[in-house]
Amino acid sequence: LWLKEKYPPGTLIAVTTAGAVCYFSDLPSLDI
C-alpha cells in the first residue's frame, strides 16, 4: 500500500517478496 501511494500507476518494481507486496501495490512487478 505504501508503494501504491509512492509511485504512479504503471511504475515497474522488482521485489524479493512478490506475494502481498505486489498484490497490494497494484504495480507491475518483477519477482527477483
PDB file of all heavy atoms in Angstrom:
ATOM      1  N   LEU A   1       0.827  -1.212   0.000  1.00  0.00           N
ATOM      2  CA  LEU A   1       0.000   0.000   0.000  1.00  0.00           C
ATOM      3  C   LEU A   1       0.858   1.257   0.000  1.00  0.00           C
ATOM      4  O   LEU A   1       0.520   2.254  -0.649  1.00  0.00           O
ATOM      5  CB  LEU A   1      -0.964  -0.015   1.199  1.00  0.00           C
ATOM      6  CG  LEU A   1      -2.043  -1.095   1.139  1.00  0.00           C
ATOM      7  CD1 LEU A   1      -2.813  -1.162   2.453  1.00  0.00           C
ATOM      8  CD2 LEU A   1      -2.973  -0.875  -0.045  1.00  0.00           C
ATOM      9  N   TRP A   2       1.987   1.225   0.702  1.00  0.00           N
ATOM     10  CA  TRP A   2       2.927   2.349   0.692  1.00  0.00           C
ATOM     11  C   TRP A   2       3.465   2.576  -0.730  1.00  0.00           C
ATOM     12  O   TRP A   2       3.534   3.713  -1.204  1.00  0.00           O
ATOM     13  CB  TRP A   2       4.069   2.093   1.681  1.00  0.00           C
ATOM     14  CG  TRP A   2       5.153   3.121   1.622  1.00  0.00           C
ATOM     15  CD1 TRP A   2       5.137   4.375   2.184  1.00  0.00           C
ATOM     16  CD2 TRP A   2       6.405   3.006   0.955  1.00  0.00           C
ATOM     17  NE1 TRP A   2       6.303   5.040   1.903  1.00  0.00           N
ATOM     18  CE2 TRP A   2       7.102   4.207   1.149  1.00  0.00           C
ATOM     19  CE3 TRP A   2       7.014   1.989   0.209  1.00  0.00           C
ATOM     20  CZ2 TRP A   2       8.381   4.432   0.631  1.00  0.00           C
ATOM     21  CZ3 TRP A   2       8.285   2.214  -0.300  1.00  0.00           C
ATOM     22  CH2 TRP A   2       8.948   3.421  -0.091  1.00  0.00           C
ATOM     23  N   LEU A   3       3.829   1.489  -1.414  1.00  0.00           N
ATOM     24  CA  LEU A   3       4.314   1.609  -2.793  1.00  0.00           C
ATOM     25  C   LEU A   3       3.241   2.205  -3.705  1.00  0.00           C
ATOM     26  O   LEU A   3       3.530   3.019  -4.579  1.00  0.00           O
ATOM     27  CB  LEU A   3       4.758   0.244  -3.328  1.00  0.00           C
ATOM     28  CG  LEU A   3       6.079  -0.283  -2.802  1.00  0.00           C
ATOM     29  CD1 LEU A   3       6.244  -1.754  -3.149  1.00  0.00           C
ATOM     30  CD2 LEU A   3       7.235   0.535  -3.360  1.00  0.00           C
ATOM     31  N   LYS A   4       2.003   1.790  -3.499  1.00  0.00           N
ATOM     32  CA  LYS A   4       0.891   2.297  -4.308  1.00  0.00           C
ATOM     33  C   LYS A   4       0.723   3.805  -4.124  1.00  0.00           C
ATOM     34  O   LYS A   4       0.402   4.523  -5.070  1.00  0.00           O
ATOM     35  CB  LYS A   4      -0.398   1.566  -3.918  1.00  0.00           C
ATOM     36  CG  LYS A   4      -1.572   1.861  -4.815  1.00  0.00           C
ATOM     37  CD  LYS A   4      -2.748   0.985  -4.438  1.00  0.00           C
ATOM     38  CE  LYS A   4      -3.850   1.139  -5.462  1.00  0.00           C
ATOM     39  NZ  LYS A   4      -4.894   0.135  -5.267  1.00  0.00           N
ATOM     40  N   GLU A   5       0.945   4.290  -2.906  1.00  0.00           N
ATOM     41  CA  GLU A   5       0.883   5.734  -2.642  1.00  0.00           C
ATOM     42  C   GLU A   5       2.092   6.469  -3.213  1.00  0.00           C
ATOM     43  O   GLU A   5       1.981   7.589  -3.685  1.00  0.00           O
ATOM     44  CB  GLU A   5       0.842   5.999  -1.129  1.00  0.00           C
ATOM     45  CG  GLU A   5      -0.419   5.589  -0.444  1.00  0.00           C
ATOM     46  CD  GLU A   5      -0.330   5.752   1.076  1.00  0.00           C
ATOM     47  OE1 GLU A   5       0.636   6.372   1.580  1.00  0.00           O
ATOM     48  OE2 GLU A   5      -1.234   5.244   1.762  1.00  0.00           O
ATOM     49  N   LYS A   6       3.249   5.831  -3.168  1.00  0.00           N
ATOM     50  CA  LYS A   6       4.513   6.474  -3.541  1.00  0.00           C
ATOM     51  C   LYS A   6       4.682   6.642  -5.047  1.00  0.00           C
ATOM     52  O   LYS A   6       5.153   7.672  -5.505  1.00  0.00           O
ATOM     53  CB  LYS A   6       5.691   5.675  -2.974  1.00  0.00           C
ATOM     54  CG  LYS A   6       7.055   6.281  -3.317  1.00  0.00           C
ATOM     55  CD  LYS A   6       8.155   5.563  -2.601  1.00  0.00           C
ATOM     56  CE  LYS A   6       9.503   6.129  -2.927  1.00  0.00           C
ATOM     57  NZ  LYS A   6       9.673   7.544  -2.645  1.00  0.00           N
ATOM     58  N   TYR A   7       4.333   5.620  -5.809  1.00  0.00           N
ATOM     59  CA  TYR A   7       4.615   5.615  -7.237  1.00  0.00           C
ATOM     60  C   TYR A   7       3.329   5.694  -8.057  1.00  0.00           C
ATOM     61  O   TYR A   7       2.308   5.129  -7.678  1.00  0.00           O
ATOM     62  CB  TYR A   7       5.393   4.362  -7.632  1.00  0.00           C
ATOM     63  CG  TYR A   7       6.784   4.309  -7.054  1.00  0.00           C
ATOM     64  CD1 TYR A   7       7.118   3.386  -6.080  1.00  0.00           C
ATOM     65  CD2 TYR A   7       7.767   5.199  -7.477  1.00  0.00           C
ATOM     66  CE1 TYR A   7       8.405   3.332  -5.539  1.00  0.00           C
ATOM     67  CE2 TYR A   7       9.049   5.157  -6.946  1.00  0.00           C
ATOM     68  CZ  TYR A   7       9.355   4.228  -5.983  1.00  0.00           C
ATOM     69  OH  TYR A   7      10.621   4.186  -5.456  1.00  0.00           O
ATOM     70  N   PRO A   8       3.418   6.317  -9.225  1.00  0.00           N
ATOM     71  CA  PRO A   8       2.230   6.370 -10.089  1.00  0.00           C
ATOM     72  C   PRO A   8       1.917   4.997 -10.693  1.00  0.00           C
ATOM     73  O   PRO A   8       2.814   4.151 -10.818  1.00  0.00           O
ATOM     74  CB  PRO A   8       2.628   7.374 -11.172  1.00  0.00           C
ATOM     75  CG  PRO A   8       4.107   7.458 -11.149  1.00  0.00           C
ATOM     76  CD  PRO A   8       4.546   7.067  -9.770  1.00  0.00           C
ATOM     77  N   PRO A   9       0.654   4.779 -11.079  1.00  0.00           N
ATOM     78  CA  PRO A   9       0.298   3.507 -11.717  1.00  0.00           C
ATOM     79  C   PRO A   9       1.209   3.238 -12.920  1.00  0.00           C
ATOM     80  O   PRO A   9       1.602   4.154 -13.638  1.00  0.00           O
ATOM     81  CB  PRO A   9      -1.144   3.729 -12.167  1.00  0.00           C
ATOM     82  CG  PRO A   9      -1.660   4.804 -11.275  1.00  0.00           C
ATOM     83  CD  PRO A   9      -0.469   5.690 -10.970  1.00  0.00           C
ATOM     84  N   GLY A  10       1.555   1.963 -13.081  1.00  0.00           N
ATOM     85  CA  GLY A  10       2.395   1.573 -14.210  1.00  0.00           C
ATOM     86  C   GLY A  10       3.884   1.573 -13.900  1.00  0.00           C
ATOM     87  O   GLY A  10       4.682   1.136 -14.721  1.00  0.00           O
ATOM     88  N   THR A  11       4.282   2.065 -12.725  1.00  0.00           N
ATOM     89  CA  THR A  11       5.699   2.072 -12.339  1.00  0.00           C
ATOM     90  C   THR A  11       6.155   0.632 -12.107  1.00  0.00           C
ATOM     91  O   THR A  11       5.545  -0.096 -11.328  1.00  0.00           O
ATOM     92  CB  THR A  11       5.913   2.894 -11.052  1.00  0.00           C
ATOM     93  OG1 THR A  11       5.482   4.231 -11.272  1.00  0.00           O
ATOM     94  CG2 THR A  11       7.368   2.889 -10.630  1.00  0.00           C
ATOM     95  N   LEU A  12       7.217   0.227 -12.779  1.00  0.00           N
ATOM     96  CA  LEU A  12       7.734  -1.131 -12.632  1.00  0.00           C
ATOM     97  C   LEU A  12       8.598  -1.230 -11.380  1.00  0.00           C
ATOM     98  O   LEU A  12       9.493  -0.419 -11.162  1.00  0.00           O
ATOM     99  CB  LEU A  12       8.553  -1.531 -13.867  1.00  0.00           C
ATOM    100  CG  LEU A  12       9.129  -2.947 -13.863  1.00  0.00           C
ATOM    101  CD1 LEU A  12       8.009  -3.997 -13.840  1.00  0.00           C
ATOM    102  CD2 LEU A  12      10.031  -3.148 -15.072  1.00  0.00           C
ATOM    103  N   ILE A  13       8.304  -2.259 -10.557  1.00  0.00           N
ATOM    104  CA  ILE A  13       9.088  -2.521  -9.360  1.00  0.00           C
ATOM    105  C   ILE A  13       9.663  -3.935  -9.448  1.00  0.00           C
ATOM    106  O   ILE A  13       9.139  -4.788 -10.162  1.00  0.00           O
ATOM    107  CB  ILE A  13       8.241  -2.363  -8.081  1.00  0.00           C
ATOM    108  CG1 ILE A  13       7.072  -3.358  -8.050  1.00  0.00           C
ATOM    109  CG2 ILE A  13       7.744  -0.924  -7.942  1.00  0.00           C
ATOM    110  CD1 ILE A  13       6.290  -3.372  -6.737  1.00  0.00           C
ATOM    111  N   ALA A  14      10.747  -4.180  -8.716  1.00  0.00           N
ATOM    112  CA  ALA A  14      11.342  -5.515  -8.609  1.00  0.00           C
ATOM    113  C   ALA A  14      11.447  -5.838  -7.128  1.00  0.00           C
ATOM    114  O   ALA A  14      11.950  -5.024  -6.347  1.00  0.00           O
ATOM    115  CB  ALA A  14      12.716  -5.551  -9.265  1.00  0.00           C
ATOM    116  N   VAL A  15      10.949  -7.009  -6.741  1.00  0.00           N
ATOM    117  CA  VAL A  15      10.856  -7.348  -5.324  1.00  0.00           C
ATOM    118  C   VAL A  15      11.323  -8.768  -5.039  1.00  0.00           C
ATOM    119  O   VAL A  15      11.338  -9.620  -5.918  1.00  0.00           O
ATOM    120  CB  VAL A  15       9.416  -7.170  -4.812  1.00  0.00           C
ATOM    121  CG1 VAL A  15       8.968  -5.725  -4.905  1.00  0.00           C
ATOM    122  CG2 VAL A  15       8.445  -8.055  -5.561  1.00  0.00           C
ATOM    123  N   THR A  16      11.690  -8.991  -3.785  1.00  0.00           N
ATOM    124  CA  THR A  16      12.002 -10.344  -3.333  1.00  0.00           C
ATOM    125  C   THR A  16      10.828 -10.975  -2.600  1.00  0.00           C
ATOM    126  O   THR A  16      10.804 -12.179  -2.406  1.00  0.00           O
ATOM    127  CB  THR A  16      13.243 -10.353  -2.416  1.00  0.00           C
ATOM    128  OG1 THR A  16      13.050  -9.399  -1.388  1.00  0.00           O
ATOM    129  CG2 THR A  16      14.496 -10.044  -3.196  1.00  0.00           C
ATOM    130  N   THR A  17       9.865 -10.171  -2.175  1.00  0.00           N
ATOM    131  CA  THR A  17       8.641 -10.701  -1.552  1.00  0.00           C
ATOM    132  C   THR A  17       7.486 -10.390  -2.500  1.00  0.00           C
ATOM    133  O   THR A  17       6.822  -9.372  -2.379  1.00  0.00           O
ATOM    134  CB  THR A  17       8.397 -10.075  -0.164  1.00  0.00           C
ATOM    135  OG1 THR A  17       8.463  -8.663  -0.275  1.00  0.00           O
ATOM    136  CG2 THR A  17       9.416 -10.551   0.841  1.00  0.00           C
ATOM    137  N   ALA A  18       7.277 -11.286  -3.442  1.00  0.00           N
ATOM    138  CA  ALA A  18       6.401 -10.984  -4.574  1.00  0.00           C
ATOM    139  C   ALA A  18       4.939 -11.369  -4.376  1.00  0.00           C
ATOM    140  O   ALA A  18       4.182 -11.346  -5.322  1.00  0.00           O
ATOM    141  CB  ALA A  18       6.936 -11.663  -5.828  1.00  0.00           C
ATOM    142  N   GLY A  19       4.519 -11.681  -3.197  1.00  0.00           N
ATOM    143  CA  GLY A  19       3.115 -12.026  -2.987  1.00  0.00           C
ATOM    144  C   GLY A  19       2.288 -10.801  -2.671  1.00  0.00           C
ATOM    145  O   GLY A  19       1.823 -10.075  -3.545  1.00  0.00           O
ATOM    146  N   ALA A  20       2.087 -10.567  -1.380  1.00  0.00           N
ATOM    147  CA  ALA A  20       1.225  -9.473  -0.922  1.00  0.00           C
ATOM    148  C   ALA A  20       1.745  -8.106  -1.358  1.00  0.00           C
ATOM    149  O   ALA A  20       0.956  -7.213  -1.669  1.00  0.00           O
ATOM    150  CB  ALA A  20       1.073  -9.519   0.595  1.00  0.00           C
ATOM    151  N   VAL A  21       3.060  -7.922  -1.389  1.00  0.00           N
ATOM    152  CA  VAL A  21       3.614  -6.616  -1.787  1.00  0.00           C
ATOM    153  C   VAL A  21       3.117  -6.246  -3.179  1.00  0.00           C
ATOM    154  O   VAL A  21       2.606  -5.147  -3.401  1.00  0.00           O
ATOM    155  CB  VAL A  21       5.159  -6.616  -1.730  1.00  0.00           C
ATOM    156  CG1 VAL A  21       5.729  -5.337  -2.327  1.00  0.00           C
ATOM    157  CG2 VAL A  21       5.648  -6.790  -0.298  1.00  0.00           C
ATOM    158  N   CYS A  22       3.235  -7.167  -4.112  1.00  0.00           N
ATOM    159  CA  CYS A  22       2.791  -6.895  -5.491  1.00  0.00           C
ATOM    160  C   CYS A  22       1.281  -6.742  -5.568  1.00  0.00           C
ATOM    161  O   CYS A  22       0.779  -5.852  -6.253  1.00  0.00           O
ATOM    162  CB  CYS A  22       3.255  -8.003  -6.419  1.00  0.00           C
ATOM    163  SG  CYS A  22       5.037  -8.163  -6.487  1.00  0.00           S
ATOM    164  N   TYR A  23       0.566  -7.592  -4.878  1.00  0.00           N
ATOM    165  CA  TYR A  23      -0.892  -7.543  -4.923  1.00  0.00           C
ATOM    166  C   TYR A  23      -1.410  -6.197  -4.429  1.00  0.00           C
ATOM    167  O   TYR A  23      -2.225  -5.555  -5.080  1.00  0.00           O
ATOM    168  CB  TYR A  23      -1.476  -8.687  -4.079  1.00  0.00           C
ATOM    169  CG  TYR A  23      -2.983  -8.658  -4.024  1.00  0.00           C
ATOM    170  CD1 TYR A  23      -3.734  -9.156  -5.076  1.00  0.00           C
ATOM    171  CD2 TYR A  23      -3.648  -8.114  -2.931  1.00  0.00           C
ATOM    172  CE1 TYR A  23      -5.125  -9.116  -5.042  1.00  0.00           C
ATOM    173  CE2 TYR A  23      -5.034  -8.074  -2.882  1.00  0.00           C
ATOM    174  CZ  TYR A  23      -5.763  -8.569  -3.946  1.00  0.00           C
ATOM    175  OH  TYR A  23      -7.134  -8.527  -3.914  1.00  0.00           O
ATOM    176  N   PHE A  24      -0.942  -5.761  -3.274  1.00  0.00           N
ATOM    177  CA  PHE A  24      -1.466  -4.534  -2.690  1.00  0.00           C
ATOM    178  C   PHE A  24      -0.903  -3.273  -3.329  1.00  0.00           C
ATOM    179  O   PHE A  24      -1.536  -2.228  -3.287  1.00  0.00           O
ATOM    180  CB  PHE A  24      -1.255  -4.525  -1.174  1.00  0.00           C
ATOM    181  CG  PHE A  24      -2.184  -5.458  -0.461  1.00  0.00           C
ATOM    182  CD1 PHE A  24      -1.746  -6.686  -0.005  1.00  0.00           C
ATOM    183  CD2 PHE A  24      -3.516  -5.122  -0.275  1.00  0.00           C
ATOM    184  CE1 PHE A  24      -2.614  -7.562   0.630  1.00  0.00           C
ATOM    185  CE2 PHE A  24      -4.400  -5.990   0.357  1.00  0.00           C
ATOM    186  CZ  PHE A  24      -3.944  -7.217   0.809  1.00  0.00           C
ATOM    187  N   SER A  25       0.269  -3.355  -3.948  1.00  0.00           N
ATOM    188  CA  SER A  25       0.802  -2.167  -4.630  1.00  0.00           C
ATOM    189  C   SER A  25       0.063  -1.917  -5.933  1.00  0.00           C
ATOM    190  O   SER A  25      -0.024  -0.786  -6.392  1.00  0.00           O
ATOM    191  CB  SER A  25       2.294  -2.321  -4.912  1.00  0.00           C
ATOM    192  OG  SER A  25       2.512  -3.239  -5.968  1.00  0.00           O
ATOM    193  N   ASP A  26      -0.441  -2.974  -6.545  1.00  0.00           N
ATOM    194  CA  ASP A  26      -1.120  -2.892  -7.830  1.00  0.00           C
ATOM    195  C   ASP A  26      -0.202  -2.299  -8.908  1.00  0.00           C
ATOM    196  O   ASP A  26      -0.662  -1.638  -9.831  1.00  0.00           O
ATOM    197  CB  ASP A  26      -2.416  -2.081  -7.704  1.00  0.00           C
ATOM    198  CG  ASP A  26      -3.400  -2.386  -8.821  1.00  0.00           C
ATOM    199  OD1 ASP A  26      -3.346  -3.499  -9.377  1.00  0.00           O
ATOM    200  OD2 ASP A  26      -4.213  -1.500  -9.156  1.00  0.00           O
ATOM    201  N   LEU A  27       1.101  -2.546  -8.749  1.00  0.00           N
ATOM    202  CA  LEU A  27       2.088  -2.070  -9.720  1.00  0.00           C
ATOM    203  C   LEU A  27       2.651  -3.270 -10.481  1.00  0.00           C
ATOM    204  O   LEU A  27       2.765  -4.367  -9.913  1.00  0.00           O
ATOM    205  CB  LEU A  27       3.228  -1.341  -9.005  1.00  0.00           C
ATOM    206  CG  LEU A  27       2.867  -0.059  -8.257  1.00  0.00           C
ATOM    207  CD1 LEU A  27       4.046   0.438  -7.425  1.00  0.00           C
ATOM    208  CD2 LEU A  27       2.401   1.018  -9.231  1.00  0.00           C
ATOM    209  N   PRO A  28       3.021  -3.073 -11.752  1.00  0.00           N
ATOM    210  CA  PRO A  28       3.688  -4.172 -12.458  1.00  0.00           C
ATOM    211  C   PRO A  28       4.988  -4.499 -11.729  1.00  0.00           C
ATOM    212  O   PRO A  28       5.698  -3.596 -11.285  1.00  0.00           O
ATOM    213  CB  PRO A  28       3.936  -3.613 -13.854  1.00  0.00           C
ATOM    214  CG  PRO A  28       3.764  -2.141 -13.750  1.00  0.00           C
ATOM    215  CD  PRO A  28       2.921  -1.861 -12.549  1.00  0.00           C
ATOM    216  N   SER A  29       5.263  -5.787 -11.593  1.00  0.00           N
ATOM    217  CA  SER A  29       6.419  -6.155 -10.780  1.00  0.00           C
ATOM    218  C   SER A  29       7.201  -7.313 -11.373  1.00  0.00           C
ATOM    219  O   SER A  29       6.667  -8.138 -12.107  1.00  0.00           O
ATOM    220  CB  SER A  29       5.958  -6.508  -9.374  1.00  0.00           C
ATOM    221  OG  SER A  29       5.042  -7.571  -9.426  1.00  0.00           O
ATOM    222  N   LEU A  30       8.457  -7.343 -11.017  1.00  0.00           N
ATOM    223  CA  LEU A  30       9.362  -8.436 -11.354  1.00  0.00           C
ATOM    224  C   LEU A  30       9.691  -9.167 -10.062  1.00  0.00           C
ATOM    225  O   LEU A  30      10.009  -8.529  -9.052  1.00  0.00           O
ATOM    226  CB  LEU A  30      10.668  -7.896 -11.953  1.00  0.00           C
ATOM    227  CG  LEU A  30      10.560  -7.113 -13.245  1.00  0.00           C
ATOM    228  CD1 LEU A  30      11.868  -6.390 -13.545  1.00  0.00           C
ATOM    229  CD2 LEU A  30      10.198  -8.046 -14.384  1.00  0.00           C
ATOM    230  N   ASP A  31       9.630 -10.473 -10.091  1.00  0.00           N
ATOM    231  CA  ASP A  31       9.985 -11.278  -8.930  1.00  0.00           C
ATOM    232  C   ASP A  31      11.456 -11.654  -9.067  1.00  0.00           C
ATOM    233  O   ASP A  31      11.818 -12.489  -9.892  1.00  0.00           O
ATOM    234  CB  ASP A  31       9.101 -12.519  -8.872  1.00  0.00           C
ATOM    235  CG  ASP A  31       9.433 -13.430  -7.711  1.00  0.00           C
ATOM    236  OD1 ASP A  31      10.358 -13.124  -6.939  1.00  0.00           O
ATOM    237  OD2 ASP A  31       8.754 -14.463  -7.586  1.00  0.00           O
ATOM    238  N   ILE A  32      12.296 -11.035  -8.273  1.00  0.00           N
ATOM    239  CA  ILE A  32      13.741 -11.251  -8.353  1.00  0.00           C
ATOM    240  C   ILE A  32      14.098 -12.719  -8.137  1.00  0.00           C
ATOM    241  O   ILE A  32      15.032 -13.231  -8.741  1.00  0.00           O
ATOM    242  CB  ILE A  32      14.465 -10.352  -7.317  1.00  0.00           C
ATOM    243  CG1 ILE A  32      14.305  -8.885  -7.697  1.00  0.00           C
ATOM    244  CG2 ILE A  32      15.934 -10.719  -7.189  1.00  0.00           C
ATOM    245  CD1 ILE A  32      14.758  -7.908  -6.623  1.00  0.00           C
TER     246      ILE A  32
END
